[in-house]
mmCIF file of all heavy atoms, coordinates in Angstrom:
data_MODEL
# 
_entry.id   MODEL 
# 
loop_
_atom_site.group_PDB 
_atom_site.id 
_atom_site.type_symbol 
_atom_site.label_atom_id 
_atom_site.label_alt_id 
_atom_site.label_comp_id 
_atom_site.label_asym_id 
_atom_site.label_entity_id 
_atom_site.label_seq_id 
_atom_site.pdbx_PDB_ins_code 
_atom_site.Cartn_x 
_atom_site.Cartn_y 
_atom_site.Cartn_z 
_atom_site.occupancy 
_atom_site.B_iso_or_equiv 
_atom_site.pdbx_formal_charge 
_atom_site.auth_seq_id 
_atom_site.auth_comp_id 
_atom_site.auth_asym_id 
_atom_site.auth_atom_id 
_atom_site.pdbx_PDB_model_num 
ATOM 1   N N   . ALA A 1 1  ? -12.109 -2.666 -4.521 1.00 0.00 ? 1  ALA A N   1 
ATOM 2   C CA  . ALA A 1 1  ? -11.268 -3.717 -3.953 1.00 0.00 ? 1  ALA A CA  1 
ATOM 3   C C   . ALA A 1 1  ? -9.799  -3.374 -4.122 1.00 0.00 ? 1  ALA A C   1 
ATOM 4   O O   . ALA A 1 1  ? -8.972  -3.661 -3.240 1.00 0.00 ? 1  ALA A O   1 
ATOM 5   C CB  . ALA A 1 1  ? -11.583 -5.060 -4.612 1.00 0.00 ? 1  ALA A CB  1 
ATOM 6   N N   . GLY A 1 2  ? -9.456  -2.742 -5.251 1.00 0.00 ? 2  GLY A N   1 
ATOM 7   C CA  . GLY A 1 2  ? -8.077  -2.319 -5.457 1.00 0.00 ? 2  GLY A CA  1 
ATOM 8   C C   . GLY A 1 2  ? -7.626  -1.284 -4.448 1.00 0.00 ? 2  GLY A C   1 
ATOM 9   O O   . GLY A 1 2  ? -6.472  -1.278 -4.016 1.00 0.00 ? 2  GLY A O   1 
ATOM 10  N N   . ALA A 1 3  ? -8.537  -0.412 -4.026 1.00 0.00 ? 3  ALA A N   1 
ATOM 11  C CA  . ALA A 1 3  ? -8.208  0.581  -2.999 1.00 0.00 ? 3  ALA A CA  1 
ATOM 12  C C   . ALA A 1 3  ? -8.040  -0.078 -1.638 1.00 0.00 ? 3  ALA A C   1 
ATOM 13  O O   . ALA A 1 3  ? -7.157  0.289  -0.859 1.00 0.00 ? 3  ALA A O   1 
ATOM 14  C CB  . ALA A 1 3  ? -9.302  1.645  -2.939 1.00 0.00 ? 3  ALA A CB  1 
ATOM 15  N N   . THR A 1 4  ? -8.890  -1.054 -1.329 1.00 0.00 ? 4  THR A N   1 
ATOM 16  C CA  . THR A 1 4  ? -8.729  -1.795 -0.080 1.00 0.00 ? 4  THR A CA  1 
ATOM 17  C C   . THR A 1 4  ? -7.396  -2.527 -0.079 1.00 0.00 ? 4  THR A C   1 
ATOM 18  O O   . THR A 1 4  ? -6.715  -2.610 0.956  1.00 0.00 ? 4  THR A O   1 
ATOM 19  C CB  . THR A 1 4  ? -9.896  -2.771 0.108  1.00 0.00 ? 4  THR A CB  1 
ATOM 20  O OG1 . THR A 1 4  ? -11.119 -2.024 0.198  1.00 0.00 ? 4  THR A OG1 1 
ATOM 21  C CG2 . THR A 1 4  ? -9.734  -3.597 1.369  1.00 0.00 ? 4  THR A CG2 1 
ATOM 22  N N   . LEU A 1 5  ? -6.994  -3.057 -1.227 1.00 0.00 ? 5  LEU A N   1 
ATOM 23  C CA  . LEU A 1 5  ? -5.691  -3.700 -1.327 1.00 0.00 ? 5  LEU A CA  1 
ATOM 24  C C   . LEU A 1 5  ? -4.557  -2.703 -1.142 1.00 0.00 ? 5  LEU A C   1 
ATOM 25  O O   . LEU A 1 5  ? -3.538  -3.024 -0.515 1.00 0.00 ? 5  LEU A O   1 
ATOM 26  C CB  . LEU A 1 5  ? -5.571  -4.415 -2.671 1.00 0.00 ? 5  LEU A CB  1 
ATOM 27  C CG  . LEU A 1 5  ? -6.396  -5.699 -2.773 1.00 0.00 ? 5  LEU A CG  1 
ATOM 28  C CD1 . LEU A 1 5  ? -6.527  -6.144 -4.225 1.00 0.00 ? 5  LEU A CD1 1 
ATOM 29  C CD2 . LEU A 1 5  ? -5.771  -6.808 -1.940 1.00 0.00 ? 5  LEU A CD2 1 
ATOM 30  N N   . VAL A 1 6  ? -4.708  -1.483 -1.660 1.00 0.00 ? 6  VAL A N   1 
ATOM 31  C CA  . VAL A 1 6  ? -3.703  -0.453 -1.403 1.00 0.00 ? 6  VAL A CA  1 
ATOM 32  C C   . VAL A 1 6  ? -3.598  -0.192 0.098  1.00 0.00 ? 6  VAL A C   1 
ATOM 33  O O   . VAL A 1 6  ? -2.495  -0.049 0.641  1.00 0.00 ? 6  VAL A O   1 
ATOM 34  C CB  . VAL A 1 6  ? -4.033  0.840  -2.171 1.00 0.00 ? 6  VAL A CB  1 
ATOM 35  C CG1 . VAL A 1 6  ? -3.120  1.981  -1.730 1.00 0.00 ? 6  VAL A CG1 1 
ATOM 36  C CG2 . VAL A 1 6  ? -3.894  0.615  -3.672 1.00 0.00 ? 6  VAL A CG2 1 
ATOM 37  N N   . SER A 1 7  ? -4.743  -0.171 0.795  1.00 0.00 ? 7  SER A N   1 
ATOM 38  C CA  . SER A 1 7  ? -4.705  -0.023 2.259  1.00 0.00 ? 7  SER A CA  1 
ATOM 39  C C   . SER A 1 7  ? -3.914  -1.163 2.886  1.00 0.00 ? 7  SER A C   1 
ATOM 40  O O   . SER A 1 7  ? -3.141  -0.953 3.829  1.00 0.00 ? 7  SER A O   1 
ATOM 41  C CB  . SER A 1 7  ? -6.134  -0.024 2.818  1.00 0.00 ? 7  SER A CB  1 
ATOM 42  O OG  . SER A 1 7  ? -6.909  1.015  2.269  1.00 0.00 ? 7  SER A OG  1 
ATOM 43  N N   . GLY A 1 8  ? -4.124  -2.385 2.365  1.00 0.00 ? 8  GLY A N   1 
ATOM 44  C CA  . GLY A 1 8  ? -3.376  -3.522 2.871  1.00 0.00 ? 8  GLY A CA  1 
ATOM 45  C C   . GLY A 1 8  ? -1.893  -3.416 2.597  1.00 0.00 ? 8  GLY A C   1 
ATOM 46  O O   . GLY A 1 8  ? -1.063  -3.789 3.442  1.00 0.00 ? 8  GLY A O   1 
ATOM 47  N N   . VAL A 1 9  ? -1.524  -2.902 1.418  1.00 0.00 ? 9  VAL A N   1 
ATOM 48  C CA  . VAL A 1 9  ? -0.110  -2.725 1.111  1.00 0.00 ? 9  VAL A CA  1 
ATOM 49  C C   . VAL A 1 9  ? 0.516   -1.689 2.041  1.00 0.00 ? 9  VAL A C   1 
ATOM 50  O O   . VAL A 1 9  ? 1.665   -1.837 2.481  1.00 0.00 ? 9  VAL A O   1 
ATOM 51  C CB  . VAL A 1 9  ? 0.076   -2.335 -0.367 1.00 0.00 ? 9  VAL A CB  1 
ATOM 52  C CG1 . VAL A 1 9  ? 1.542   -2.017 -0.662 1.00 0.00 ? 9  VAL A CG1 1 
ATOM 53  C CG2 . VAL A 1 9  ? -0.401  -3.456 -1.284 1.00 0.00 ? 9  VAL A CG2 1 
ATOM 54  N N   . LEU A 1 10 ? -0.241  -0.633 2.362  1.00 0.00 ? 10 LEU A N   1 
ATOM 55  C CA  . LEU A 1 10 ? 0.257   0.356  3.323  1.00 0.00 ? 10 LEU A CA  1 
ATOM 56  C C   . LEU A 1 10 ? 0.664   -0.301 4.637  1.00 0.00 ? 10 LEU A C   1 
ATOM 57  O O   . LEU A 1 10 ? 1.630   0.122  5.282  1.00 0.00 ? 10 LEU A O   1 
ATOM 58  C CB  . LEU A 1 10 ? -0.818  1.410  3.608  1.00 0.00 ? 10 LEU A CB  1 
ATOM 59  C CG  . LEU A 1 10 ? -1.033  2.518  2.600  1.00 0.00 ? 10 LEU A CG  1 
ATOM 60  C CD1 . LEU A 1 10 ? -2.299  3.301  2.933  1.00 0.00 ? 10 LEU A CD1 1 
ATOM 61  C CD2 . LEU A 1 10 ? 0.161   3.458  2.545  1.00 0.00 ? 10 LEU A CD2 1 
ATOM 62  N N   . ALA A 1 11 ? -0.070  -1.337 5.029  1.00 0.00 ? 11 ALA A N   1 
ATOM 63  C CA  . ALA A 1 11 ? 0.165   -2.011 6.307  1.00 0.00 ? 11 ALA A CA  1 
ATOM 64  C C   . ALA A 1 11 ? 1.145   -3.166 6.204  1.00 0.00 ? 11 ALA A C   1 
ATOM 65  O O   . ALA A 1 11 ? 1.401   -3.847 7.201  1.00 0.00 ? 11 ALA A O   1 
ATOM 66  C CB  . ALA A 1 11 ? -1.167  -2.516 6.867  1.00 0.00 ? 11 ALA A CB  1 
ATOM 67  N N   . THR A 1 12 ? 1.703   -3.407 5.009  1.00 0.00 ? 12 THR A N   1 
ATOM 68  C CA  . THR A 1 12 ? 2.579   -4.556 4.791  1.00 0.00 ? 12 THR A CA  1 
ATOM 69  C C   . THR A 1 12 ? 4.043   -4.143 4.895  1.00 0.00 ? 12 THR A C   1 
ATOM 70  O O   . THR A 1 12 ? 4.534   -3.374 4.058  1.00 0.00 ? 12 THR A O   1 
ATOM 71  C CB  . THR A 1 12 ? 2.318   -5.162 3.387  1.00 0.00 ? 12 THR A CB  1 
ATOM 72  O OG1 . THR A 1 12 ? 0.946   -5.561 3.299  1.00 0.00 ? 12 THR A OG1 1 
ATOM 73  C CG2 . THR A 1 12 ? 3.220   -6.352 3.129  1.00 0.00 ? 12 THR A CG2 1 
ATOM 74  N N   . PRO A 1 13 ? 4.774   -4.653 5.894  1.00 0.00 ? 13 PRO A N   1 
ATOM 75  C CA  . PRO A 1 13 ? 6.179   -4.240 6.051  1.00 0.00 ? 13 PRO A CA  1 
ATOM 76  C C   . PRO A 1 13 ? 7.036   -4.526 4.816  1.00 0.00 ? 13 PRO A C   1 
ATOM 77  O O   . PRO A 1 13 ? 7.934   -3.748 4.493  1.00 0.00 ? 13 PRO A O   1 
ATOM 78  C CB  . PRO A 1 13 ? 6.642   -5.070 7.256  1.00 0.00 ? 13 PRO A CB  1 
ATOM 79  C CG  . PRO A 1 13 ? 5.396   -5.360 8.026  1.00 0.00 ? 13 PRO A CG  1 
ATOM 80  C CD  . PRO A 1 13 ? 4.318   -5.524 6.991  1.00 0.00 ? 13 PRO A CD  1 
ATOM 81  N N   . ASP A 1 14 ? 6.752   -5.624 4.096  1.00 0.00 ? 14 ASP A N   1 
ATOM 82  C CA  . ASP A 1 14 ? 7.587   -5.988 2.940  1.00 0.00 ? 14 ASP A CA  1 
ATOM 83  C C   . ASP A 1 14 ? 7.483   -4.986 1.795  1.00 0.00 ? 14 ASP A C   1 
ATOM 84  O O   . ASP A 1 14 ? 8.296   -5.034 0.867  1.00 0.00 ? 14 ASP A O   1 
ATOM 85  C CB  . ASP A 1 14 ? 7.192   -7.375 2.418  1.00 0.00 ? 14 ASP A CB  1 
ATOM 86  C CG  . ASP A 1 14 ? 7.613   -8.494 3.362  1.00 0.00 ? 14 ASP A CG  1 
ATOM 87  O OD1 . ASP A 1 14 ? 8.400   -8.208 4.279  1.00 0.00 ? 14 ASP A OD1 1 
ATOM 88  O OD2 . ASP A 1 14 ? 7.152   -9.631 3.177  1.00 0.00 ? 14 ASP A OD2 1 
ATOM 89  N N   . SER A 1 15 ? 6.489   -4.102 1.846  1.00 0.00 ? 15 SER A N   1 
ATOM 90  C CA  . SER A 1 15 ? 6.335   -3.120 0.771  1.00 0.00 ? 15 SER A CA  1 
ATOM 91  C C   . SER A 1 15 ? 7.111   -1.834 1.033  1.00 0.00 ? 15 SER A C   1 
ATOM 92  O O   . SER A 1 15 ? 7.159   -0.956 0.160  1.00 0.00 ? 15 SER A O   1 
ATOM 93  C CB  . SER A 1 15 ? 4.860   -2.779 0.590  1.00 0.00 ? 15 SER A CB  1 
ATOM 94  O OG  . SER A 1 15 ? 4.364   -2.032 1.700  1.00 0.00 ? 15 SER A OG  1 
ATOM 95  N N   . SER A 1 16 ? 7.718   -1.714 2.178  1.00 0.00 ? 16 SER A N   1 
ATOM 96  C CA  . SER A 1 16 ? 8.412   -0.470 2.531  1.00 0.00 ? 16 SER A CA  1 
ATOM 97  C C   . SER A 1 16 ? 9.504   -0.151 1.511  1.00 0.00 ? 16 SER A C   1 
ATOM 98  O O   . SER A 1 16 ? 10.314  -1.000 1.144  1.00 0.00 ? 16 SER A O   1 
ATOM 99  C CB  . SER A 1 16 ? 9.036   -0.606 3.927  1.00 0.00 ? 16 SER A CB  1 
ATOM 100 O OG  . SER A 1 16 ? 9.730   0.565  4.282  1.00 0.00 ? 16 SER A OG  1 
ATOM 101 N N   . GLY A 1 17 ? 9.490   1.088  1.034  1.00 0.00 ? 17 GLY A N   1 
ATOM 102 C CA  . GLY A 1 17 ? 10.476  1.544  0.071  1.00 0.00 ? 17 GLY A CA  1 
ATOM 103 C C   . GLY A 1 17 ? 10.119  1.280  -1.373 1.00 0.00 ? 17 GLY A C   1 
ATOM 104 O O   . GLY A 1 17 ? 10.797  1.782  -2.274 1.00 0.00 ? 17 GLY A O   1 
ATOM 105 N N   . LEU A 1 18 ? 9.060   0.496  -1.620 1.00 0.00 ? 18 LEU A N   1 
ATOM 106 C CA  . LEU A 1 18 ? 8.676   0.169  -2.992 1.00 0.00 ? 18 LEU A CA  1 
ATOM 107 C C   . LEU A 1 18 ? 7.710   1.197  -3.585 1.00 0.00 ? 18 LEU A C   1 
ATOM 108 O O   . LEU A 1 18 ? 7.489   1.199  -4.786 1.00 0.00 ? 18 LEU A O   1 
ATOM 109 C CB  . LEU A 1 18 ? 8.051   -1.225 -3.055 1.00 0.00 ? 18 LEU A CB  1 
ATOM 110 C CG  . LEU A 1 18 ? 8.960   -2.388 -2.663 1.00 0.00 ? 18 LEU A CG  1 
ATOM 111 C CD1 . LEU A 1 18 ? 8.200   -3.706 -2.771 1.00 0.00 ? 18 LEU A CD1 1 
ATOM 112 C CD2 . LEU A 1 18 ? 10.220  -2.419 -3.529 1.00 0.00 ? 18 LEU A CD2 1 
ATOM 113 N N   . PHE A 1 19 ? 7.106   2.031  -2.743 1.00 0.00 ? 19 PHE A N   1 
ATOM 114 C CA  . PHE A 1 19 ? 6.252   3.115  -3.231 1.00 0.00 ? 19 PHE A CA  1 
ATOM 115 C C   . PHE A 1 19 ? 6.373   4.279  -2.259 1.00 0.00 ? 19 PHE A C   1 
ATOM 116 O O   . PHE A 1 19 ? 6.764   4.107  -1.106 1.00 0.00 ? 19 PHE A O   1 
ATOM 117 C CB  . PHE A 1 19 ? 4.801   2.660  -3.394 1.00 0.00 ? 19 PHE A CB  1 
ATOM 118 C CG  . PHE A 1 19 ? 4.105   2.323  -2.097 1.00 0.00 ? 19 PHE A CG  1 
ATOM 119 C CD1 . PHE A 1 19 ? 3.188   3.205  -1.544 1.00 0.00 ? 19 PHE A CD1 1 
ATOM 120 C CD2 . PHE A 1 19 ? 4.363   1.138  -1.448 1.00 0.00 ? 19 PHE A CD2 1 
ATOM 121 C CE1 . PHE A 1 19 ? 2.552   2.897  -0.354 1.00 0.00 ? 19 PHE A CE1 1 
ATOM 122 C CE2 . PHE A 1 19 ? 3.729   0.824  -0.257 1.00 0.00 ? 19 PHE A CE2 1 
ATOM 123 C CZ  . PHE A 1 19 ? 2.824   1.700  0.297  1.00 0.00 ? 19 PHE A CZ  1 
ATOM 124 N N   . HIS A 1 20 ? 6.013   5.465  -2.729 1.00 0.00 ? 20 HIS A N   1 
ATOM 125 C CA  . HIS A 1 20 ? 6.327   6.683  -1.972 1.00 0.00 ? 20 HIS A CA  1 
ATOM 126 C C   . HIS A 1 20 ? 5.128   7.582  -1.752 1.00 0.00 ? 20 HIS A C   1 
ATOM 127 O O   . HIS A 1 20 ? 5.205   8.566  -1.021 1.00 0.00 ? 20 HIS A O   1 
ATOM 128 C CB  . HIS A 1 20 ? 7.440   7.441  -2.712 1.00 0.00 ? 20 HIS A CB  1 
ATOM 129 C CG  . HIS A 1 20 ? 8.579   6.535  -3.089 1.00 0.00 ? 20 HIS A CG  1 
ATOM 130 N ND1 . HIS A 1 20 ? 8.620   5.867  -4.291 1.00 0.00 ? 20 HIS A ND1 1 
ATOM 131 C CD2 . HIS A 1 20 ? 9.660   6.128  -2.383 1.00 0.00 ? 20 HIS A CD2 1 
ATOM 132 C CE1 . HIS A 1 20 ? 9.709   5.106  -4.330 1.00 0.00 ? 20 HIS A CE1 1 
ATOM 133 N NE2 . HIS A 1 20 ? 10.355  5.247  -3.194 1.00 0.00 ? 20 HIS A NE2 1 
ATOM 134 N N   . ARG A 1 21 ? 3.991   7.262  -2.374 1.00 0.00 ? 21 ARG A N   1 
ATOM 135 C CA  . ARG A 1 21 ? 2.714   7.913  -2.134 1.00 0.00 ? 21 ARG A CA  1 
ATOM 136 C C   . ARG A 1 21 ? 1.629   6.887  -2.409 1.00 0.00 ? 21 ARG A C   1 
ATOM 137 O O   . ARG A 1 21 ? 1.859   5.881  -3.086 1.00 0.00 ? 21 ARG A O   1 
ATOM 138 C CB  . ARG A 1 21 ? 2.512   9.125  -3.044 1.00 0.00 ? 21 ARG A CB  1 
ATOM 139 C CG  . ARG A 1 21 ? 3.767   9.949  -3.318 1.00 0.00 ? 21 ARG A CG  1 
ATOM 140 C CD  . ARG A 1 21 ? 3.439   11.235 -4.041 1.00 0.00 ? 21 ARG A CD  1 
ATOM 141 N NE  . ARG A 1 21 ? 4.573   11.758 -4.785 1.00 0.00 ? 21 ARG A NE  1 
ATOM 142 C CZ  . ARG A 1 21 ? 5.655   12.296 -4.246 1.00 0.00 ? 21 ARG A CZ  1 
ATOM 143 N NH1 . ARG A 1 21 ? 5.762   12.372 -2.937 1.00 0.00 ? 21 ARG A NH1 1 
ATOM 144 N NH2 . ARG A 1 21 ? 6.641   12.758 -4.996 1.00 0.00 ? 21 ARG A NH2 1 
ATOM 145 N N   . ALA A 1 22 ? 0.429   7.150  -1.892 1.00 0.00 ? 22 ALA A N   1 
ATOM 146 C CA  . ALA A 1 22 ? -0.675  6.209  -2.102 1.00 0.00 ? 22 ALA A CA  1 
ATOM 147 C C   . ALA A 1 22 ? -1.980  6.970  -2.296 1.00 0.00 ? 22 ALA A C   1 
ATOM 148 O O   . ALA A 1 22 ? -2.181  8.036  -1.703 1.00 0.00 ? 22 ALA A O   1 
ATOM 149 C CB  . ALA A 1 22 ? -0.801  5.246  -0.919 1.00 0.00 ? 22 ALA A CB  1 
ATOM 150 N N   . ILE A 1 23 ? -2.851  6.406  -3.132 1.00 0.00 ? 23 ILE A N   1 
ATOM 151 C CA  . ILE A 1 23 ? -4.186  6.961  -3.363 1.00 0.00 ? 23 ILE A CA  1 
ATOM 152 C C   . ILE A 1 23 ? -5.195  5.842  -3.170 1.00 0.00 ? 23 ILE A C   1 
ATOM 153 O O   . ILE A 1 23 ? -5.062  4.760  -3.770 1.00 0.00 ? 23 ILE A O   1 
ATOM 154 C CB  . ILE A 1 23 ? -4.336  7.554  -4.779 1.00 0.00 ? 23 ILE A CB  1 
ATOM 155 C CG1 . ILE A 1 23 ? -3.265  8.619  -5.044 1.00 0.00 ? 23 ILE A CG1 1 
ATOM 156 C CG2 . ILE A 1 23 ? -5.735  8.147  -4.957 1.00 0.00 ? 23 ILE A CG2 1 
ATOM 157 C CD1 . ILE A 1 23 ? -3.271  9.163  -6.461 1.00 0.00 ? 23 ILE A CD1 1 
ATOM 158 N N   . VAL A 1 24 ? -6.199  6.093  -2.330 1.00 0.00 ? 24 VAL A N   1 
ATOM 159 C CA  . VAL A 1 24 ? -7.233  5.108  -2.012 1.00 0.00 ? 24 VAL A CA  1 
ATOM 160 C C   . VAL A 1 24 ? -8.575  5.681  -2.468 1.00 0.00 ? 24 VAL A C   1 
ATOM 161 O O   . VAL A 1 24 ? -9.116  6.590  -1.852 1.00 0.00 ? 24 VAL A O   1 
ATOM 162 C CB  . VAL A 1 24 ? -7.241  4.796  -0.500 1.00 0.00 ? 24 VAL A CB  1 
ATOM 163 C CG1 . VAL A 1 24 ? -8.400  3.885  -0.131 1.00 0.00 ? 24 VAL A CG1 1 
ATOM 164 C CG2 . VAL A 1 24 ? -5.918  4.155  -0.083 1.00 0.00 ? 24 VAL A CG2 1 
# 
């Protein structure tokens, strides 16, 4: 579920600039 949430954060405009790589 945490990985699915990371996928959701990838798609969230408000998260732009708050992280620079992602692992799912």
